Amino acid sequence: MIWIAFIFACGTTSSTPAEPKPAPAKVATVAISPQVLEALKTADAADGTEDKVATKCSGCALGMDGDPAHVLQVEDYSLHLCSSMCKDYFSKDISGNLEKLIN
C-alpha cells in the first residue's frame, strides 16, 4: 500500500501555475536631439561609470538609486528608475524629462 501511494504521489504534477516572467524593458522611441543625448550622457555618468546604464533614477533627478526592475531603454541606454510610479511618470515625456536633467 505504501508503495502505491508513493508512486501516485511522485507521478502527480503540481497544479500551481509557473511564475510569470518579467516583462521586457520598454524601448522608448525618442527624438535624439543634442539636448536629449547630453541628458542621457549626464544620467549615465551620475553613478561614476560611463557604461550606458544609468543606475541613479532619472525621474528623481538622479537623487535616488534606480532599480533594474523598473528599467527603460532609450536608444542604447538603460535608465533604472526607482519605482513603477516614477517609471510611468517618466515614460509620459521621456525627451522632456531627460532635458530637465541638464537645465
N, C-alpha and C. Protein backbone atom coordinates (compact mmCIF):
# COMPACT_ATOMS: atom_id res chain seq x y z
N MET A 1 0.81 -1.21 0.00
CA MET A 1 0.00 0.00 0.00
C MET A 1 0.85 1.26 0.00
N ILE A 2 1.88 1.26 0.80
CA ILE A 2 2.73 2.44 0.88
C ILE A 2 3.39 2.68 -0.48
N TRP A 3 3.83 1.62 -1.13
CA TRP A 3 4.49 1.72 -2.42
C TRP A 3 3.57 2.35 -3.46
N ILE A 4 2.33 1.96 -3.52
CA ILE A 4 1.36 2.50 -4.47
C ILE A 4 1.14 3.98 -4.20
N ALA A 5 1.02 4.37 -2.95
CA ALA A 5 0.82 5.77 -2.61
C ALA A 5 2.05 6.59 -3.01
N PHE A 6 3.25 6.01 -2.84
CA PHE A 6 4.48 6.71 -3.19
C PHE A 6 4.54 6.95 -4.70
N ILE A 7 4.21 5.95 -5.49
CA ILE A 7 4.22 6.09 -6.94
C ILE A 7 3.20 7.13 -7.37
N PHE A 8 2.03 7.08 -6.79
CA PHE A 8 0.98 8.04 -7.14
C PHE A 8 1.41 9.46 -6.78
N ALA A 9 2.00 9.62 -5.61
CA ALA A 9 2.41 10.96 -5.17
C ALA A 9 3.53 11.50 -6.05
N CYS A 10 4.46 10.65 -6.44
CA CYS A 10 5.58 11.12 -7.27
C CYS A 10 5.16 11.36 -8.70
N GLY A 11 4.11 10.71 -9.13
CA GLY A 11 3.67 10.84 -10.51
C GLY A 11 2.76 12.03 -10.75
N THR A 12 2.32 12.68 -9.69
CA THR A 12 1.43 13.82 -9.89
C THR A 12 2.24 15.06 -10.21
N THR A 13 1.62 15.94 -10.92
CA THR A 13 2.27 17.22 -11.23
C THR A 13 1.59 18.32 -10.46
N SER A 14 2.31 19.34 -10.23
CA SER A 14 1.78 20.48 -9.49
C SER A 14 0.78 21.22 -10.35
N SER A 15 -0.32 21.64 -9.75
CA SER A 15 -1.30 22.43 -10.49
C SER A 15 -1.04 23.93 -10.32
N THR A 16 0.04 24.26 -9.63
CA THR A 16 0.39 25.66 -9.44
C THR A 16 0.97 26.21 -10.73
N PRO A 17 0.43 27.31 -11.25
CA PRO A 17 0.96 27.85 -12.50
C PRO A 17 2.37 28.39 -12.30
N ALA A 18 3.14 28.36 -13.36
CA ALA A 18 4.50 28.88 -13.31
C ALA A 18 4.47 30.37 -13.05
N GLU A 19 5.51 30.86 -12.37
CA GLU A 19 5.59 32.29 -12.11
C GLU A 19 5.75 33.02 -13.43
N PRO A 20 5.05 34.16 -13.58
CA PRO A 20 5.17 34.89 -14.84
C PRO A 20 6.56 35.49 -14.98
N LYS A 21 7.05 35.52 -16.21
CA LYS A 21 8.34 36.13 -16.47
C LYS A 21 8.17 37.64 -16.48
N PRO A 22 9.19 38.38 -16.01
CA PRO A 22 9.07 39.83 -16.03
C PRO A 22 8.95 40.34 -17.46
N ALA A 23 8.18 41.40 -17.63
CA ALA A 23 8.00 41.99 -18.95
C ALA A 23 9.32 42.60 -19.41
N PRO A 24 9.59 42.51 -20.70
CA PRO A 24 10.83 43.13 -21.19
C PRO A 24 10.77 44.64 -21.01
N ALA A 25 11.93 45.23 -20.91
CA ALA A 25 12.01 46.68 -20.73
C ALA A 25 11.40 47.38 -21.94
N LYS A 26 10.72 48.45 -21.67
CA LYS A 26 10.12 49.24 -22.73
C LYS A 26 11.23 49.95 -23.49
N VAL A 27 11.22 49.81 -24.79
CA VAL A 27 12.20 50.51 -25.62
C VAL A 27 11.53 51.79 -26.09
N ALA A 28 12.05 52.91 -25.63
CA ALA A 28 11.44 54.18 -25.93
C ALA A 28 11.95 54.72 -27.26
N THR A 29 11.02 55.25 -28.03
CA THR A 29 11.39 55.93 -29.25
C THR A 29 11.37 57.42 -28.93
N VAL A 30 12.54 58.00 -28.89
CA VAL A 30 12.68 59.40 -28.51
C VAL A 30 13.48 60.09 -29.61
N ALA A 31 13.04 61.29 -29.95
CA ALA A 31 13.81 62.08 -30.90
C ALA A 31 15.11 62.48 -30.21
N ILE A 32 16.22 62.03 -30.75
CA ILE A 32 17.50 62.29 -30.11
C ILE A 32 18.05 63.63 -30.59
N SER A 33 17.71 64.64 -29.84
CA SER A 33 18.26 65.97 -30.10
C SER A 33 19.58 66.05 -29.35
N PRO A 34 20.39 67.03 -29.64
CA PRO A 34 21.64 67.18 -28.88
C PRO A 34 21.39 67.31 -27.37
N GLN A 35 20.28 67.96 -26.99
CA GLN A 35 19.96 68.11 -25.57
C GLN A 35 19.61 66.76 -24.93
N VAL A 36 18.85 65.93 -25.63
CA VAL A 36 18.49 64.61 -25.11
C VAL A 36 19.73 63.73 -25.01
N LEU A 37 20.58 63.77 -26.01
CA LEU A 37 21.81 62.98 -25.97
C LEU A 37 22.70 63.43 -24.81
N GLU A 38 22.80 64.73 -24.59
CA GLU A 38 23.57 65.24 -23.46
C GLU A 38 22.97 64.79 -22.14
N ALA A 39 21.65 64.79 -22.06
CA ALA A 39 20.97 64.35 -20.83
C ALA A 39 21.21 62.86 -20.58
N LEU A 40 21.19 62.05 -21.63
CA LEU A 40 21.48 60.62 -21.48
C LEU A 40 22.91 60.42 -20.97
N LYS A 41 23.84 61.20 -21.49
CA LYS A 41 25.23 61.11 -21.03
C LYS A 41 25.34 61.55 -19.57
N THR A 42 24.59 62.59 -19.19
CA THR A 42 24.59 63.07 -17.80
C THR A 42 24.04 62.00 -16.87
N ALA A 43 22.93 61.39 -17.27
CA ALA A 43 22.33 60.33 -16.46
C ALA A 43 23.27 59.14 -16.33
N ASP A 44 23.94 58.81 -17.42
CA ASP A 44 24.88 57.68 -17.42
C ASP A 44 26.06 57.95 -16.49
N ALA A 45 26.57 59.16 -16.49
CA ALA A 45 27.75 59.49 -15.69
C ALA A 45 27.44 59.73 -14.22
N ALA A 46 26.17 59.87 -13.86
CA ALA A 46 25.80 60.21 -12.48
C ALA A 46 26.24 59.17 -11.45
N ASP A 47 26.41 57.93 -11.87
CA ASP A 47 26.84 56.88 -10.93
C ASP A 47 28.35 56.69 -10.93
N GLY A 48 29.05 57.54 -11.70
CA GLY A 48 30.50 57.47 -11.71
C GLY A 48 31.08 56.52 -12.75
N THR A 49 30.22 55.85 -13.51
CA THR A 49 30.67 54.91 -14.54
C THR A 49 29.94 55.19 -15.83
N GLU A 50 30.67 55.42 -16.89
CA GLU A 50 30.04 55.66 -18.19
C GLU A 50 29.97 54.34 -18.95
N ASP A 51 28.82 53.66 -18.80
CA ASP A 51 28.62 52.35 -19.42
C ASP A 51 27.26 52.22 -20.10
N LYS A 52 26.60 53.35 -20.30
CA LYS A 52 25.27 53.44 -20.92
C LYS A 52 24.20 52.78 -20.05
N VAL A 53 24.46 52.69 -18.75
CA VAL A 53 23.48 52.23 -17.77
C VAL A 53 23.41 53.29 -16.68
N ALA A 54 22.26 53.94 -16.59
CA ALA A 54 22.06 54.96 -15.56
C ALA A 54 21.43 54.28 -14.35
N THR A 55 22.21 54.09 -13.29
CA THR A 55 21.70 53.40 -12.11
C THR A 55 21.08 54.35 -11.10
N LYS A 56 21.23 55.65 -11.31
CA LYS A 56 20.53 56.64 -10.49
C LYS A 56 19.23 56.99 -11.19
N CYS A 57 18.17 57.18 -10.44
CA CYS A 57 16.85 57.42 -11.00
C CYS A 57 16.79 58.78 -11.71
N SER A 58 16.58 58.72 -13.01
CA SER A 58 16.45 59.95 -13.79
C SER A 58 15.15 60.67 -13.47
N GLY A 59 14.14 59.95 -13.06
CA GLY A 59 12.86 60.56 -12.70
C GLY A 59 12.94 61.38 -11.44
N CYS A 60 13.84 61.03 -10.55
CA CYS A 60 14.05 61.77 -9.30
C CYS A 60 15.25 62.71 -9.44
N ALA A 61 15.56 63.10 -10.68
CA ALA A 61 16.68 63.99 -10.98
C ALA A 61 18.00 63.42 -10.46
N LEU A 62 18.16 62.09 -10.56
CA LEU A 62 19.39 61.37 -10.24
C LEU A 62 19.72 61.37 -8.76
N GLY A 63 18.74 61.63 -7.92
CA GLY A 63 18.99 61.66 -6.48
C GLY A 63 18.88 60.31 -5.81
N MET A 64 18.05 59.44 -6.32
CA MET A 64 17.83 58.14 -5.69
C MET A 64 18.43 57.03 -6.54
N ASP A 65 18.71 55.91 -5.90
CA ASP A 65 19.17 54.75 -6.65
C ASP A 65 18.02 54.18 -7.46
N GLY A 66 18.30 53.80 -8.68
CA GLY A 66 17.31 53.15 -9.52
C GLY A 66 17.25 51.66 -9.22
N ASP A 67 16.27 51.01 -9.80
CA ASP A 67 16.05 49.58 -9.60
C ASP A 67 15.98 48.92 -10.97
N PRO A 68 16.77 47.90 -11.23
CA PRO A 68 16.72 47.23 -12.53
C PRO A 68 15.34 46.67 -12.88
N ALA A 69 14.47 46.52 -11.89
CA ALA A 69 13.11 46.04 -12.16
C ALA A 69 12.27 47.11 -12.85
N HIS A 70 12.72 48.36 -12.79
CA HIS A 70 11.99 49.48 -13.38
C HIS A 70 12.89 50.19 -14.40
N VAL A 71 13.21 49.48 -15.46
CA VAL A 71 14.17 50.00 -16.44
C VAL A 71 13.46 50.44 -17.71
N LEU A 72 13.96 51.50 -18.29
CA LEU A 72 13.53 51.96 -19.61
C LEU A 72 14.75 51.93 -20.52
N GLN A 73 14.56 51.47 -21.73
CA GLN A 73 15.61 51.51 -22.73
C GLN A 73 15.36 52.73 -23.60
N VAL A 74 16.32 53.62 -23.69
CA VAL A 74 16.23 54.78 -24.56
C VAL A 74 17.48 54.74 -25.43
N GLU A 75 17.26 54.52 -26.73
CA GLU A 75 18.37 54.28 -27.65
C GLU A 75 19.17 53.11 -27.11
N ASP A 76 20.46 53.27 -26.89
CA ASP A 76 21.25 52.16 -26.34
C ASP A 76 21.61 52.40 -24.87
N TYR A 77 20.82 53.21 -24.20
CA TYR A 77 20.99 53.49 -22.77
C TYR A 77 19.91 52.76 -21.98
N SER A 78 20.27 52.27 -20.81
CA SER A 78 19.31 51.68 -19.87
C SER A 78 19.16 52.65 -18.71
N LEU A 79 17.94 53.10 -18.49
CA LEU A 79 17.66 54.01 -17.38
C LEU A 79 16.93 53.25 -16.29
N HIS A 80 17.54 53.12 -15.13
CA HIS A 80 16.91 52.44 -14.00
C HIS A 80 16.16 53.48 -13.18
N LEU A 81 14.85 53.33 -13.10
CA LEU A 81 14.03 54.22 -12.31
C LEU A 81 13.79 53.59 -10.95
N CYS A 82 13.46 54.40 -9.95
CA CYS A 82 13.37 53.89 -8.58
C CYS A 82 12.08 53.12 -8.30
N SER A 83 11.02 53.39 -9.06
CA SER A 83 9.74 52.73 -8.77
C SER A 83 8.90 52.68 -10.04
N SER A 84 7.84 51.91 -10.00
CA SER A 84 6.94 51.84 -11.15
C SER A 84 6.23 53.17 -11.35
N MET A 85 5.96 53.88 -10.26
CA MET A 85 5.31 55.18 -10.35
C MET A 85 6.22 56.18 -11.08
N CYS A 86 7.48 56.18 -10.71
CA CYS A 86 8.46 57.06 -11.34
C CYS A 86 8.62 56.68 -12.82
N LYS A 87 8.66 55.40 -13.11
CA LYS A 87 8.80 54.93 -14.49
C LYS A 87 7.60 55.36 -15.32
N ASP A 88 6.40 55.22 -14.78
CA ASP A 88 5.20 55.63 -15.50
C ASP A 88 5.22 57.13 -15.79
N TYR A 89 5.57 57.92 -14.78
CA TYR A 89 5.63 59.37 -14.95
C TYR A 89 6.69 59.73 -15.99
N PHE A 90 7.87 59.17 -15.85
CA PHE A 90 8.99 59.49 -16.74
C PHE A 90 8.67 59.08 -18.17
N SER A 91 7.97 57.98 -18.36
CA SER A 91 7.63 57.46 -19.69
C SER A 91 6.70 58.38 -20.47
N LYS A 92 5.93 59.19 -19.78
CA LYS A 92 4.96 60.06 -20.45
C LYS A 92 5.63 61.14 -21.31
N ASP A 93 6.81 61.59 -20.91
CA ASP A 93 7.54 62.60 -21.68
C ASP A 93 9.04 62.38 -21.48
N ILE A 94 9.53 61.31 -22.06
CA ILE A 94 10.93 60.93 -21.85
C ILE A 94 11.87 62.05 -22.29
N SER A 95 11.65 62.56 -23.47
CA SER A 95 12.53 63.59 -24.00
C SER A 95 12.53 64.83 -23.10
N GLY A 96 11.35 65.30 -22.73
CA GLY A 96 11.23 66.48 -21.86
C GLY A 96 11.83 66.24 -20.49
N ASN A 97 11.59 65.06 -19.93
CA ASN A 97 12.14 64.75 -18.60
C ASN A 97 13.66 64.62 -18.64
N LEU A 98 14.19 64.06 -19.72
CA LEU A 98 15.64 63.98 -19.85
C LEU A 98 16.26 65.37 -19.95
N GLU A 99 15.63 66.24 -20.72
CA GLU A 99 16.16 67.59 -20.88
C GLU A 99 16.18 68.35 -19.56
N LYS A 100 15.26 68.03 -18.65
CA LYS A 100 15.24 68.69 -17.33
C LYS A 100 16.51 68.37 -16.52
N LEU A 101 17.15 67.25 -16.84
CA LEU A 101 18.34 66.84 -16.10
C LEU A 101 19.52 67.79 -16.34
N ILE A 102 19.53 68.44 -17.49
CA ILE A 102 20.66 69.31 -17.80
C ILE A 102 20.32 70.79 -17.71
N ASN A 103 19.10 71.11 -17.41
CA ASN A 103 18.69 72.53 -17.28
C ASN A 103 18.75 73.01 -15.87
